Amino acid sequence: MNHHRRPTSAFLVPLVLAAAGLAAATAVPAQTLKDPVLEALYVAEKSDELQRVAALRLAAQPDDAQAVLAAALAALRRNDTAARTAAIGFARACIERQPRAAPCQYALGVVLGVQAISEGLFKAARSIGKVRDALQAAYDIDPAWYPARSALLQFHLEVPGMMGGSAAQAGELARGAPRPEQARALQARVALGDGKFEAALQALAALPAPLEPALAEDVCAWAAQAGLGLVNASQAAKAQPALEKLQREQAGCAGPAYALARVRGEAGAHAEALRLYETAVGLRGAAAWPLHYRIGMEQQALGRREEARSAYQRFVAEGRGPDKLLDDARKRLQQLLP
């Protein structure tokens, strides 16, 4: 995965970004959560309140599958070890009572993996089978539920074959999606996994808008990854048209704006890049990207030392970025001392 992501598992980061809601067996638009109260909190990214409401509901009914899913999603967004531990417990308790509750199996799979990798690679390796089994169970129970298909596909793409991954199974999952836009998006994800960044980005940009919420989250994340793949391969200009289209059509999410800002920054358009980064700060999913680090870099390139120092200080204080970027931000702060 790209270095700009939070330091979680290579295969679980996309699962976290793809974590989205339940679709019935009929092809109704997928929402993150079927419960309207929980859905509203999730969409508004009010993770603390979402966790609080989910915990209250689970205290009254431990097998409330929607509350289990809400607790898992809140824990992932908050990147909180204690919250993840609680979410795993909620999911396991639900599965004991309702083994065929797809949301609970899904919640266990994604949160268990992130929790394991946070405790070290050895722990992650020991847990990989349980993660795979939970994601497979969620998909087997409800193959029409898009998030379960997406999560299982990404598992197979990111995990080595000796540990249960399978590029062939990922391809089958993509081709078998019940809706054509889902199939095209998932096939683009397979292309992204193969390093075919331009093809993946163009396929994602060609999807019709608007997309169902769960699919839109994936498209935003994958398009950004594809665009950044081209940036890192010194082919940033190839990404610009598709990212501009996606930024217009998926205007509520941060990923395309972030990737487009990287493209413009590479071209020396620092003022435009800064504007895009600052726009992305207020969009969904902004916490997944090192926005204040990049804002600092653009401010520094524009000669705005005070503003750059403030951005780097905020990035370091948040402490959410990869060690490499945090170390670089600290070095830059030293250079910017009065």
Protein backbone atom coordinates (compact mmCIF):
# COMPACT_ATOMS: atom_id res chain seq x y z
CA MET A 1 0.00 0.00 0.00
CA ASN A 2 1.06 3.62 -0.35
CA HIS A 3 3.25 5.19 2.33
CA HIS A 4 0.79 8.00 3.07
CA ARG A 5 -1.69 5.72 4.78
CA ARG A 6 -2.10 5.16 8.49
CA PRO A 7 0.26 2.47 9.80
CA THR A 8 -2.21 -0.39 9.70
CA SER A 9 -2.20 -3.66 7.82
CA ALA A 10 -1.53 -3.57 4.10
CA PHE A 11 -4.71 -5.44 3.36
CA LEU A 12 -6.88 -3.98 6.12
CA VAL A 13 -6.45 -0.32 5.23
CA PRO A 14 -8.57 -0.68 2.09
CA LEU A 15 -11.05 -2.74 4.06
CA VAL A 16 -11.40 0.05 6.57
CA LEU A 17 -11.91 2.61 3.82
CA ALA A 18 -14.39 0.27 2.16
CA ALA A 19 -16.29 -0.42 5.37
CA ALA A 20 -19.80 0.39 4.36
CA GLY A 21 -23.29 -0.69 4.75
CA LEU A 22 -25.84 -3.31 4.22
CA ALA A 23 -27.67 -4.05 1.02
CA ALA A 24 -30.60 -6.41 1.00
CA ALA A 25 -30.65 -9.44 -1.27
CA THR A 26 -32.51 -7.30 -3.79
CA ALA A 27 -30.47 -4.61 -5.52
CA VAL A 28 -31.39 -1.68 -3.31
CA PRO A 29 -28.82 1.12 -2.95
CA ALA A 30 -26.25 0.22 -0.29
CA GLN A 31 -26.08 2.39 2.78
CA THR A 32 -23.48 2.16 5.48
CA LEU A 33 -26.00 1.22 8.16
CA LYS A 34 -29.65 0.27 7.74
CA ASP A 35 -30.58 2.01 10.98
CA PRO A 36 -31.28 5.69 10.13
CA VAL A 37 -29.97 7.07 13.45
CA LEU A 38 -26.69 5.17 13.19
CA GLU A 39 -26.43 5.95 9.50
CA ALA A 40 -26.77 9.68 10.12
CA LEU A 41 -24.03 9.63 12.74
CA TYR A 42 -21.73 7.60 10.51
CA VAL A 43 -22.23 9.83 7.47
CA ALA A 44 -21.60 12.91 9.62
CA GLU A 45 -18.37 11.25 10.90
CA LYS A 46 -19.49 11.70 14.52
CA SER A 47 -17.53 8.68 15.63
CA ASP A 48 -17.62 9.36 19.37
CA GLU A 49 -21.39 9.69 19.37
CA LEU A 50 -21.76 6.67 17.09
CA GLN A 51 -19.72 4.59 19.53
CA ARG A 52 -21.74 5.85 22.50
CA VAL A 53 -25.12 5.07 20.92
CA ALA A 54 -23.94 1.65 19.73
CA ALA A 55 -22.66 0.76 23.21
CA LEU A 56 -25.98 1.74 24.81
CA ARG A 57 -27.89 -0.43 22.37
CA LEU A 58 -25.56 -3.36 22.84
CA ALA A 59 -25.89 -3.16 26.61
CA ALA A 60 -29.60 -3.77 26.12
CA GLN A 61 -29.32 -6.27 23.25
CA PRO A 62 -25.89 -7.87 22.67
CA ASP A 63 -26.89 -9.39 19.33
CA ASP A 64 -28.07 -6.10 17.78
CA ALA A 65 -26.18 -6.59 14.51
CA GLN A 66 -26.54 -2.99 13.38
CA ALA A 67 -25.13 -1.74 16.68
CA VAL A 68 -22.25 -4.23 16.42
CA LEU A 69 -21.42 -2.90 12.97
CA ALA A 70 -21.71 0.68 14.20
CA ALA A 71 -19.34 -0.01 17.10
CA ALA A 72 -16.83 -1.56 14.68
CA LEU A 73 -16.96 1.34 12.23
CA ALA A 74 -16.63 3.89 15.04
CA ALA A 75 -13.61 2.04 16.46
CA LEU A 76 -11.91 1.95 13.08
CA ARG A 77 -12.47 5.63 12.42
CA ARG A 78 -11.27 6.63 15.88
CA ASN A 79 -8.19 4.39 15.53
CA ASP A 80 -8.56 3.57 19.23
CA THR A 81 -7.13 0.31 20.65
CA ALA A 82 -9.63 0.06 23.51
CA ALA A 83 -12.55 0.75 21.19
CA ARG A 84 -11.32 -1.93 18.78
CA THR A 85 -11.00 -4.45 21.62
CA ALA A 86 -14.56 -3.70 22.70
CA ALA A 87 -15.81 -3.96 19.11
CA ILE A 88 -14.20 -7.39 18.71
CA GLY A 89 -15.94 -8.53 21.89
CA PHE A 90 -19.28 -7.21 20.64
CA ALA A 91 -18.84 -9.01 17.32
CA ARG A 92 -17.93 -12.32 18.92
CA ALA A 93 -20.87 -12.13 21.33
CA CYS A 94 -23.20 -11.44 18.42
CA ILE A 95 -21.81 -14.35 16.40
CA GLU A 96 -22.34 -16.72 19.33
CA ARG A 97 -26.04 -15.83 19.29
CA GLN A 98 -26.42 -15.25 15.55
CA PRO A 99 -23.75 -17.11 13.57
CA ARG A 100 -25.40 -16.04 10.32
CA ALA A 101 -25.41 -12.32 11.07
CA ALA A 102 -23.30 -10.98 8.20
CA PRO A 103 -22.68 -7.57 9.82
CA CYS A 104 -21.20 -9.23 12.90
CA GLN A 105 -18.93 -11.52 10.87
CA TYR A 106 -17.80 -8.54 8.80
CA ALA A 107 -17.18 -6.44 11.90
CA LEU A 108 -15.07 -9.20 13.44
CA GLY A 109 -12.99 -9.65 10.30
CA VAL A 110 -12.03 -6.04 9.70
CA VAL A 111 -11.52 -5.00 13.31
CA LEU A 112 -9.65 -8.16 14.35
CA GLY A 113 -7.18 -7.66 11.53
CA VAL A 114 -6.49 -4.03 12.36
CA GLN A 115 -6.14 -4.85 16.05
CA ALA A 116 -3.75 -7.72 15.32
CA ILE A 117 -1.47 -5.68 13.08
CA SER A 118 -1.36 -2.90 15.68
CA GLU A 119 0.14 -5.47 18.07
CA GLY A 120 2.85 -6.57 15.62
CA LEU A 121 3.38 -8.68 12.54
CA PHE A 122 3.59 -11.94 14.48
CA LYS A 123 0.16 -11.35 16.01
CA ALA A 124 -1.21 -10.42 12.60
CA ALA A 125 0.12 -13.63 11.06
CA ARG A 126 -1.50 -15.70 13.81
CA SER A 127 -4.85 -13.95 13.30
CA ILE A 128 -4.97 -13.98 9.50
CA GLY A 129 -6.96 -17.22 9.31
CA LYS A 130 -9.64 -15.88 11.66
CA VAL A 131 -9.85 -12.67 9.63
CA ARG A 132 -10.24 -14.65 6.41
CA ASP A 133 -12.88 -16.94 7.90
CA ALA A 134 -14.95 -14.04 9.20
CA LEU A 135 -14.84 -12.14 5.90
CA GLN A 136 -15.65 -15.32 3.97
CA ALA A 137 -18.59 -16.01 6.31
CA ALA A 138 -19.98 -12.51 5.82
CA TYR A 139 -19.80 -12.96 2.06
CA ASP A 140 -21.25 -16.49 2.10
CA ILE A 141 -24.17 -15.38 4.26
CA ASP A 142 -25.06 -12.46 2.01
CA PRO A 143 -23.19 -12.35 -1.32
CA ALA A 144 -25.41 -9.48 -2.46
CA TRP A 145 -24.01 -7.28 0.33
CA TYR A 146 -21.45 -5.20 -1.51
CA PRO A 147 -19.13 -4.38 1.44
CA ALA A 148 -18.61 -8.06 2.21
CA ARG A 149 -17.69 -8.79 -1.42
CA SER A 150 -15.34 -5.80 -1.52
CA ALA A 151 -13.61 -6.70 1.75
CA LEU A 152 -13.10 -10.33 0.75
CA LEU A 153 -11.78 -9.32 -2.67
CA GLN A 154 -9.24 -6.97 -1.11
CA PHE A 155 -8.15 -9.65 1.34
CA HIS A 156 -7.38 -11.97 -1.58
CA LEU A 157 -5.46 -9.23 -3.42
CA GLU A 158 -3.34 -8.06 -0.50
CA VAL A 159 -2.58 -11.26 1.41
CA PRO A 160 0.08 -13.65 0.07
CA GLY A 161 -1.13 -16.97 -1.31
CA MET A 162 0.60 -18.94 1.43
CA MET A 163 -1.56 -17.07 3.93
CA GLY A 164 -4.85 -17.51 2.09
CA GLY A 165 -4.88 -14.83 -0.57
CA SER A 166 -5.80 -15.61 -4.18
CA ALA A 167 -5.73 -13.28 -7.17
CA ALA A 168 -7.91 -15.76 -9.05
CA GLN A 169 -10.61 -15.64 -6.37
CA ALA A 170 -10.42 -11.85 -6.34
CA GLY A 171 -11.11 -11.86 -10.08
CA GLU A 172 -14.08 -14.17 -9.63
CA LEU A 173 -15.53 -11.93 -6.92
CA ALA A 174 -15.18 -8.91 -9.18
CA ARG A 175 -16.79 -10.55 -12.21
CA GLY A 176 -19.63 -12.01 -10.12
CA ALA A 177 -20.84 -8.74 -8.61
CA PRO A 178 -24.61 -8.40 -9.06
CA ARG A 179 -24.56 -4.87 -10.50
CA PRO A 180 -22.48 -3.77 -13.51
CA GLU A 181 -21.03 -0.68 -11.84
CA GLN A 182 -19.92 -2.82 -8.89
CA ALA A 183 -18.26 -5.31 -11.24
CA ARG A 184 -16.42 -2.56 -13.13
CA ALA A 185 -15.23 -0.92 -9.91
CA LEU A 186 -14.04 -4.21 -8.43
CA GLN A 187 -12.26 -5.10 -11.67
CA ALA A 188 -10.53 -1.72 -11.45
CA ARG A 189 -9.42 -2.68 -7.93
CA VAL A 190 -7.92 -5.88 -9.33
CA ALA A 191 -6.07 -3.81 -11.95
CA LEU A 192 -4.82 -1.52 -9.20
CA GLY A 193 -3.49 -4.55 -7.34
CA ASP A 194 -1.59 -5.51 -10.50
CA GLY A 195 0.04 -2.08 -10.64
CA LYS A 196 -2.04 -0.99 -13.66
CA PHE A 197 -2.62 2.45 -12.20
CA GLU A 198 -3.70 4.30 -15.33
CA ALA A 199 -6.17 1.59 -16.43
CA ALA A 200 -7.64 1.40 -12.93
CA LEU A 201 -8.06 5.16 -12.65
CA GLN A 202 -9.66 5.48 -16.06
CA ALA A 203 -12.10 2.67 -15.31
CA LEU A 204 -13.11 4.28 -12.02
CA ALA A 205 -13.55 7.68 -13.64
CA ALA A 206 -15.80 6.15 -16.30
CA LEU A 207 -18.35 4.89 -13.75
CA PRO A 208 -21.72 6.65 -13.82
CA ALA A 209 -22.52 9.17 -11.10
CA PRO A 210 -24.00 9.21 -8.56
CA LEU A 211 -22.94 5.87 -7.09
CA GLU A 212 -24.49 4.06 -4.15
CA PRO A 213 -22.77 5.18 -0.92
CA ALA A 214 -20.80 2.02 -0.19
CA LEU A 215 -19.45 1.84 -3.72
CA ALA A 216 -18.67 5.56 -3.79
CA GLU A 217 -16.43 5.17 -0.73
CA ASP A 218 -14.43 2.48 -2.47
CA VAL A 219 -14.18 4.43 -5.71
CA CYS A 220 -12.86 7.50 -3.87
CA ALA A 221 -10.20 5.48 -2.06
CA TRP A 222 -9.13 3.40 -5.05
CA ALA A 223 -9.00 6.37 -7.41
CA ALA A 224 -6.73 8.20 -4.99
CA GLN A 225 -4.47 5.14 -4.70
CA ALA A 226 -4.30 4.81 -8.49
CA GLY A 227 -3.55 8.49 -8.92
CA LEU A 228 -0.82 8.37 -6.30
CA GLY A 229 0.61 5.29 -7.99
CA LEU A 230 1.06 7.37 -11.13
CA VAL A 231 2.56 10.25 -9.12
CA ASN A 232 5.08 7.89 -7.53
CA ALA A 233 5.90 6.49 -10.98
CA SER A 234 6.67 10.03 -12.27
CA GLN A 235 3.58 9.94 -14.48
CA ALA A 236 1.46 12.45 -12.58
CA ALA A 237 0.14 14.22 -15.68
CA LYS A 238 -1.62 11.03 -16.80
CA ALA A 239 -3.74 11.11 -13.66
CA GLN A 240 -5.01 14.68 -13.87
CA PRO A 241 -8.04 14.40 -16.23
CA ALA A 242 -9.55 11.40 -14.44
CA LEU A 243 -8.94 12.87 -11.00
CA GLU A 244 -10.54 16.17 -12.02
CA LYS A 245 -13.63 14.29 -13.18
CA LEU A 246 -13.80 12.25 -10.00
CA GLN A 247 -13.31 15.31 -7.83
CA ARG A 248 -16.35 16.90 -9.49
CA GLU A 249 -18.53 13.79 -9.36
CA GLN A 250 -17.47 12.59 -5.89
CA ALA A 251 -17.17 16.06 -4.40
CA GLY A 252 -17.93 14.96 -0.85
CA CYS A 253 -14.91 12.71 -0.32
CA ALA A 254 -11.32 13.67 0.30
CA GLY A 255 -9.41 11.05 -1.70
CA PRO A 256 -9.65 12.45 -5.26
CA ALA A 257 -8.98 16.00 -4.04
CA TYR A 258 -5.91 14.82 -2.15
CA ALA A 259 -4.54 12.90 -5.12
CA LEU A 260 -5.25 15.78 -7.50
CA ALA A 261 -3.42 18.12 -5.14
CA ARG A 262 -0.41 15.81 -5.30
CA VAL A 263 -0.57 15.95 -9.10
CA ARG A 264 -0.74 19.75 -9.16
CA GLY A 265 2.04 20.06 -6.61
CA GLU A 266 4.29 17.85 -8.73
CA ALA A 267 3.64 20.25 -11.62
CA GLY A 268 4.75 23.21 -9.52
CA ALA A 269 1.23 24.62 -9.15
CA HIS A 270 1.66 25.08 -5.42
CA ALA A 271 -1.14 27.58 -4.85
CA GLU A 272 -3.63 25.30 -6.58
CA ALA A 273 -2.34 22.27 -4.70
CA LEU A 274 -2.70 24.14 -1.42
CA ARG A 275 -6.29 25.06 -2.25
CA LEU A 276 -7.12 21.43 -3.01
CA TYR A 277 -5.54 20.17 0.22
CA GLU A 278 -7.42 22.76 2.25
CA THR A 279 -10.65 21.73 0.54
CA ALA A 280 -9.96 18.07 1.30
CA VAL A 281 -9.60 18.80 5.03
CA GLY A 282 -13.37 19.31 5.28
CA LEU A 283 -14.42 16.27 3.26
CA ARG A 284 -15.33 12.70 4.23
CA GLY A 285 -12.37 10.46 4.87
CA ALA A 286 -9.95 13.34 5.39
CA ALA A 287 -8.38 11.66 8.42
CA ALA A 288 -6.96 8.90 6.21
CA TRP A 289 -4.60 11.31 4.45
CA PRO A 290 -1.59 13.34 5.74
CA LEU A 291 -3.24 16.59 4.75
CA HIS A 292 -1.55 18.94 7.20
CA TYR A 293 1.86 17.58 6.27
CA ARG A 294 1.14 18.29 2.61
CA ILE A 295 -0.34 21.70 3.44
CA GLY A 296 2.89 22.51 5.25
CA MET A 297 4.95 21.48 2.24
CA GLU A 298 2.94 23.69 -0.11
CA GLN A 299 3.05 26.62 2.29
CA GLN A 300 6.80 26.15 2.54
CA ALA A 301 7.13 26.04 -1.25
CA LEU A 302 5.18 29.31 -1.40
CA GLY A 303 7.51 30.94 1.12
CA ARG A 304 4.91 31.11 3.90
CA ARG A 305 7.10 30.01 6.79
CA GLU A 306 4.73 30.74 9.67
CA GLU A 307 1.81 28.96 8.02
CA ALA A 308 4.03 26.00 7.12
CA ARG A 309 5.29 25.71 10.69
CA SER A 310 1.72 25.75 12.01
CA ALA A 311 0.67 22.97 9.60
CA TYR A 312 3.64 20.76 10.50
CA GLN A 313 3.01 21.29 14.21
CA ARG A 314 -0.58 20.19 13.80
CA PHE A 315 0.44 17.11 11.82
CA VAL A 316 2.97 16.08 14.47
CA ALA A 317 0.56 16.77 17.31
CA GLU A 318 -2.12 14.57 15.71
CA GLY A 319 0.44 11.77 15.40
CA ARG A 320 -1.59 9.84 12.84
CA GLY A 321 0.84 9.72 9.96
CA PRO A 322 3.49 7.18 9.01
CA ASP A 323 6.75 7.44 10.92
CA LYS A 324 8.61 8.55 7.79
CA LEU A 325 6.37 11.58 7.30
CA LEU A 326 6.26 12.43 11.00
CA ASP A 327 10.06 12.38 11.13
CA ASP A 328 10.27 14.60 8.05
CA ALA A 329 7.76 17.04 9.53
CA ARG A 330 9.87 17.31 12.70
CA LYS A 331 12.99 18.00 10.62
CA ARG A 332 11.17 20.67 8.66
CA LEU A 333 9.99 22.29 11.87
CA GLN A 334 13.62 22.56 13.01
CA GLN A 335 14.52 24.20 9.70
CA LEU A 336 11.69 26.70 10.12
CA LEU A 337 12.64 27.84 13.61
CA PRO A 338 13.01 31.65 13.82
